[in-house]
């Protein structure tokens, strides 16, 4: 989707080097890009920022609703870090500098099609400055972001937040904790959102059903949602770090959509899962702690119950590592069994 016809031809030629890719459509302005996305529902959309009639970022917002499974990769000559961050926040999986596309485009396409995020190396330094550890992010900026959610989310008026963590060495322990957590919320007419890996999805559903929770019915009603961990991480991870703004906005969207789906007058919204587990397995402790810190700040401000789950080896259950101790410090309650 680019208004410069010669560039569209160059892109077409580059993509022909990947036989598994097939170009199904082109557009020369933002409105046409939205129309093509609605009609074709492509797996991948290459989108420029400076499109006529409707900007690439505005087009991406509409495309995200009309064709949610389409992966958006921005290809632009715009070097602004703020523009790039906004492009990624609107749902873009990657951002390629157009003049570097000859050497980077195919790499970027492969990365985003495999659930990863790609940013041109020339932009990495600028973007990383905005997504460093949350402890070094301007505290006032975080406070402003959280305050911006107040018109649409209920405040946490309790003196404490509910941000729990369960370390488990056996699946039975995990299911026991989840059954209590999920059951309490669903029985009260609330909504539960679980972040699970693909291999855990059916195990969790079957396990909770065996515990007497009719979660399959709750899934149909929209009060119990299971989201894929890999997909979720791709929404806010930039160069192996968490984009705090995008992460907090995602949390706010989850709570708001949960409130709409709830069946009681004063519903609880709860989130559980293993969102940080793959990052910990990769040794990315900084990103794990970012997630925990930001989640804790959110739970302090708004009504949201959070249960984080981490598998541990039986031999290490009684000897927590330094990282595990730091994870524990971010939670209101710690369960280890």
Foldseek 3Di string as FASTA:
>chain_A
DAQDVVLVVVVVVLCVVPVVDDDDDDDNALVVLLVCCLVPLDQEDEFEQDGPPAGRLRSLLSSCVRRVNHAYEYEYQDQDLVVQVSSLLSRHLEYHDNVCCVPPVVVQVVQVSVLHGYYPPVNQVVNCVQFAFPVPHPPVVLVVLLVVLVVQFAWDPDPAFAAEEEEEADVVVVLVVVLVVVVVQVVVQFAEEEEEAPVCVVVNCVSNVVVVDNVVVVVVLRRYYYDYLSNVCSSADDPLGGNLSSLVVVVSVQRNVRVVSTDDPDHAYEYEYANCAVVVVVVSLSRVLSNLQSVLVNRNTGRYHYYYYYYDHPVCQVPDDPSVVSSVVSHPYYHGD
